[in-house]
C-alpha atoms as a PDB file:
ATOM      1  CA  HIS A   1      -0.214  -0.269  -0.292  1.00  0.00           C
ATOM      2  CA  VAL A   2       1.647   3.796  -1.069  1.00  0.00           C
ATOM      3  CA  GLN A   3       0.902   6.442   0.689  1.00  0.00           C
ATOM      4  CA  LEU A   4       2.778  10.044   0.666  1.00  0.00           C
ATOM      5  CA  VAL A   5       2.718  12.190   3.657  1.00  0.00           C
ATOM      6  CA  GLU A   6       3.464  15.908   3.265  1.00  0.00           C
ATOM      7  CA  SER A   7       5.268  18.597   6.579  1.00  0.00           C
ATOM      8  CA  VAL A   8       2.509  20.840   7.895  1.00  0.00           C
ATOM      9  CA  GLY A   9       3.313  23.868   5.144  1.00  0.00           C
ATOM     10  CA  GLY A  10       3.012  27.595   6.573  1.00  0.00           C
ATOM     11  CA  SER A  11       3.370  31.654   6.411  1.00  0.00           C
ATOM     12  CA  VAL A  12       6.157  32.914   5.906  1.00  0.00           C
ATOM     13  CA  PRO A  13       7.028  36.459   3.591  1.00  0.00           C
ATOM     14  CA  ALA A  14       7.863  37.549   0.636  1.00  0.00           C
ATOM     15  CA  GLY A  15      11.082  36.511   0.291  1.00  0.00           C
ATOM     16  CA  GLY A  16      11.503  33.970   2.945  1.00  0.00           C
ATOM     17  CA  SER A  17      12.408  30.663   2.931  1.00  0.00           C
ATOM     18  CA  LEU A  18      10.209  27.181   3.657  1.00  0.00           C
ATOM     19  CA  THR A  19      11.356  23.819   2.680  1.00  0.00           C
ATOM     20  CA  LEU A  20       8.957  20.899   2.048  1.00  0.00           C
ATOM     21  CA  SER A  21       9.335  17.368   3.077  1.00  0.00           C
ATOM     22  CA  CYS A  22       6.893  14.236   1.797  1.00  0.00           C
ATOM     23  CA  ALA A  23       7.494  10.775   3.109  1.00  0.00           C
ATOM     24  CA  PRO A  24       6.588   7.715   0.852  1.00  0.00           C
ATOM     25  CA  TYR A  25       5.704   4.952   2.741  1.00  0.00           C
ATOM     26  CA  GLY A  26       5.288   1.833   0.878  1.00  0.00           C
ATOM     27  CA  TYR A  27       8.632   2.359  -1.453  1.00  0.00           C
ATOM     28  CA  PRO A  28      12.015   4.158  -1.325  1.00  0.00           C
ATOM     29  CA  VAL A  29      12.256   7.336  -2.636  1.00  0.00           C
ATOM     30  CA  SER A  30      14.890   6.883  -5.103  1.00  0.00           C
ATOM     31  CA  SER A  31      13.567   4.157  -7.035  1.00  0.00           C
ATOM     32  CA  ALA A  32      10.579   6.366  -8.507  1.00  0.00           C
ATOM     33  CA  CYS A  33       9.998   9.434  -9.924  1.00  0.00           C
ATOM     34  CA  MET A  34       8.389  12.037  -7.688  1.00  0.00           C
ATOM     35  CA  GLY A  35       7.366  15.148  -8.387  1.00  0.00           C
ATOM     36  CA  TRP A  36       5.445  18.684  -6.360  1.00  0.00           C
ATOM     37  CA  PHE A  37       2.461  20.221  -7.706  1.00  0.00           C
ATOM     38  CA  ARG A  38       0.501  22.799  -6.813  1.00  0.00           C
ATOM     39  CA  GLN A  39      -2.845  24.980  -6.935  1.00  0.00           C
ATOM     40  CA  ARG A  40      -3.453  28.156  -6.560  1.00  0.00           C
ATOM     41  CA  PRO A  41      -7.042  29.436  -5.562  1.00  0.00           C
ATOM     42  CA  GLY A  42      -9.058  28.951  -8.668  1.00  0.00           C
ATOM     43  CA  LYS A  43      -6.013  27.606 -11.035  1.00  0.00           C
ATOM     44  CA  GLU A  44      -5.690  24.627 -11.763  1.00  0.00           C
ATOM     45  CA  ARG A  45      -3.315  22.304 -10.510  1.00  0.00           C
ATOM     46  CA  GLU A  46       0.669  22.875 -12.533  1.00  0.00           C
ATOM     47  CA  GLY A  47       3.871  20.941 -11.612  1.00  0.00           C
ATOM     48  CA  VAL A  48       6.637  22.873  -9.725  1.00  0.00           C
ATOM     49  CA  ALA A  49       9.301  19.914 -10.035  1.00  0.00           C
ATOM     50  CA  ALA A  50      10.205  16.349 -10.534  1.00  0.00           C
ATOM     51  CA  ILE A  51      12.977  14.818 -10.126  1.00  0.00           C
ATOM     52  CA  GLY A  52      13.536  10.898 -11.560  1.00  0.00           C
ATOM     53  CA  SER A  53      14.871   8.021 -10.117  1.00  0.00           C
ATOM     54  CA  ASP A  54      18.070   8.966 -12.110  1.00  0.00           C
ATOM     55  CA  GLY A  55      18.224  12.055  -9.634  1.00  0.00           C
ATOM     56  CA  ILE A  56      18.210  14.126 -12.570  1.00  0.00           C
ATOM     57  CA  ALA A  57      15.518  17.303 -11.773  1.00  0.00           C
ATOM     58  CA  SER A  58      12.926  19.776 -13.870  1.00  0.00           C
ATOM     59  CA  TYR A  59      11.138  22.536 -13.014  1.00  0.00           C
ATOM     60  CA  THR A  60       8.451  25.069 -14.380  1.00  0.00           C
ATOM     61  CA  ASP A  61      10.017  28.458 -15.190  1.00  0.00           C
ATOM     62  CA  SER A  62       8.788  30.207 -12.599  1.00  0.00           C
ATOM     63  CA  VAL A  63      10.969  28.372  -9.810  1.00  0.00           C
ATOM     64  CA  LYS A  64      13.713  28.382 -11.741  1.00  0.00           C
ATOM     65  CA  GLY A  65      16.939  29.266  -9.737  1.00  0.00           C
ATOM     66  CA  ARG A  66      14.529  30.344  -6.211  1.00  0.00           C
ATOM     67  CA  PHE A  67      13.289  26.151  -6.002  1.00  0.00           C
ATOM     68  CA  THR A  68      15.117  22.908  -5.124  1.00  0.00           C
ATOM     69  CA  ILE A  69      13.722  19.567  -5.699  1.00  0.00           C
ATOM     70  CA  SER A  70      15.555  16.118  -3.840  1.00  0.00           C
ATOM     71  CA  GLN A  71      15.603  12.744  -2.640  1.00  0.00           C
ATOM     72  CA  ASP A  72      17.351  12.277   0.530  1.00  0.00           C
ATOM     73  CA  ASN A  73      17.763   8.189   0.926  1.00  0.00           C
ATOM     74  CA  ALA A  74      18.868   8.612   4.842  1.00  0.00           C
ATOM     75  CA  ARG A  75      15.316  10.228   5.938  1.00  0.00           C
ATOM     76  CA  ASN A  76      13.502   8.633   2.852  1.00  0.00           C
ATOM     77  CA  THR A  77      12.274  11.546   1.923  1.00  0.00           C
ATOM     78  CA  LEU A  78      11.007  13.672  -1.085  1.00  0.00           C
ATOM     79  CA  ASP A  79      11.889  17.647   0.007  1.00  0.00           C
ATOM     80  CA  LEU A  80      11.368  21.124  -2.109  1.00  0.00           C
ATOM     81  CA  GLN A  81      13.305  23.817  -0.301  1.00  0.00           C
ATOM     82  CA  MET A  82      11.603  27.393  -1.172  1.00  0.00           C
ATOM     83  CA  ASP A  83      14.027  30.394  -1.293  1.00  0.00           C
ATOM     84  CA  ASP A  84      12.974  33.792  -2.234  1.00  0.00           C
ATOM     85  CA  LEU A  85       8.991  33.096  -1.929  1.00  0.00           C
ATOM     86  CA  LYS A  86       7.195  35.379  -4.143  1.00  0.00           C
ATOM     87  CA  HIS A  87       3.218  36.464  -3.138  1.00  0.00           C
ATOM     88  CA  GLU A  88       2.259  33.889  -6.569  1.00  0.00           C
ATOM     89  CA  ASP A  89       3.296  31.392  -4.933  1.00  0.00           C
ATOM     90  CA  THR A  90       0.665  31.034  -2.116  1.00  0.00           C
ATOM     91  CA  ALA A  91      -1.010  27.948  -2.587  1.00  0.00           C
ATOM     92  CA  LEU A  92      -1.861  24.376  -1.204  1.00  0.00           C
ATOM     93  CA  TYR A  93       1.266  22.361  -2.704  1.00  0.00           C
ATOM     94  CA  TYR A  94       1.148  18.506  -3.531  1.00  0.00           C
ATOM     95  CA  CYS A  95       3.736  15.241  -4.277  1.00  0.00           C
ATOM     96  CA  ALA A  96       3.436  12.384  -6.083  1.00  0.00           C
ATOM     97  CA  ARG A  97       4.494   9.752  -7.235  1.00  0.00           C
ATOM     98  CA  GLY A  98       4.984   9.079 -11.112  1.00  0.00           C
ATOM     99  CA  ARG A  99       5.029   6.230 -13.894  1.00  0.00           C
ATOM    100  CA  ILE A 100       7.686   8.777 -15.708  1.00  0.00           C
ATOM    101  CA  ALA A 101      10.913   6.993 -16.912  1.00  0.00           C
ATOM    102  CA  PRO A 102      13.399   9.010 -16.296  1.00  0.00           C
ATOM    103  CA  SER A 103      14.158   9.688 -20.175  1.00  0.00           C
ATOM    104  CA  ARG A 104      11.055  10.787 -20.992  1.00  0.00           C
ATOM    105  CA  LEU A 105      10.939  12.848 -17.390  1.00  0.00           C
ATOM    106  CA  TRP A 106      11.917  16.327 -19.413  1.00  0.00           C
ATOM    107  CA  GLU A 107       9.621  15.911 -21.445  1.00  0.00           C
ATOM    108  CA  VAL A 108       5.965  14.581 -18.979  1.00  0.00           C
ATOM    109  CA  TRP A 109       6.915  15.605 -15.587  1.00  0.00           C
ATOM    110  CA  SER A 110       4.650  18.042 -15.656  1.00  0.00           C
ATOM    111  CA  ARG A 111       1.596  15.767 -16.948  1.00  0.00           C
ATOM    112  CA  VAL A 112      -1.223  15.847 -13.806  1.00  0.00           C
ATOM    113  CA  GLY A 113      -1.640  11.984 -15.753  1.00  0.00           C
ATOM    114  CA  GLU A 114       1.211  10.967 -15.296  1.00  0.00           C
ATOM    115  CA  TYR A 115       1.110  10.585 -11.995  1.00  0.00           C
ATOM    116  CA  ASP A 116      -0.973   7.635 -10.026  1.00  0.00           C
ATOM    117  CA  TYR A 117      -0.025   8.502  -6.022  1.00  0.00           C
ATOM    118  CA  TRP A 118      -0.560  11.781  -4.245  1.00  0.00           C
ATOM    119  CA  GLY A 119       0.045  12.803  -0.801  1.00  0.00           C
ATOM    120  CA  GLN A 120      -3.143  15.258   0.959  1.00  0.00           C
ATOM    121  CA  GLY A 121      -1.769  18.737   0.587  1.00  0.00           C
ATOM    122  CA  THR A 122      -0.224  21.101   2.523  1.00  0.00           C
ATOM    123  CA  GLN A 123      -0.904  24.913   2.321  1.00  0.00           C
ATOM    124  CA  VAL A 124       2.325  27.127   1.574  1.00  0.00           C
ATOM    125  CA  THR A 125       1.104  31.081   2.200  1.00  0.00           C
ATOM    126  CA  VAL A 126       3.321  34.254   1.349  1.00  0.00           C
ATOM    127  CA  SER A 127       2.252  37.287   3.686  1.00  0.00           C
END
């Protein structure tokens, strides 16, 4: 049984930093493609970043240089380090497990339909 459990988000001032973690139960985090998505009020869920089982990551343009996705094998977590947060980063953030081979990550990582398990979502508010 696969389950994804996200850490509690939070409220931070613009320009601040926050790290989200996601703990997958049922498999090693590095064995599958993993992604972070977010859903802003009134908007569709969108891909933020993803990392393949080979450790290669992809990011949406609006977070490049500010967010870093990583796998912590010792803790078995997927982390999202968010720096220089902006008001437009305010959203409900989800982690998800994908069915994407490393060779295709760059092409399809942001497609919601490529992911089969999702966390419950955690709120990030930038004031």
